[in-house]
């Protein structure tokens, strides 16, 4: 069973007790590039809020940025 569809390299080893658990684990996996992008965005937003002057600290999402990921 491989996780190539989730961006895991062929050499990555998955450890599970039975095949059903293995399929569930791989199916629930977050692709590494997506996880990296999300973590980077969260850190950037937290850092920006920390150093803001208080204005806009209670922001709401008004538009959706188009994100180009190499995975999609």
Foldseek 3Di string as FASTA:
>chain_A
DDLVLLVDDPPDDDDDDDPVVVVVVSVPDHRPQVVVVVVVVVVVVVVCLVPDPPPCNVPDDDDDDDDDDPSD
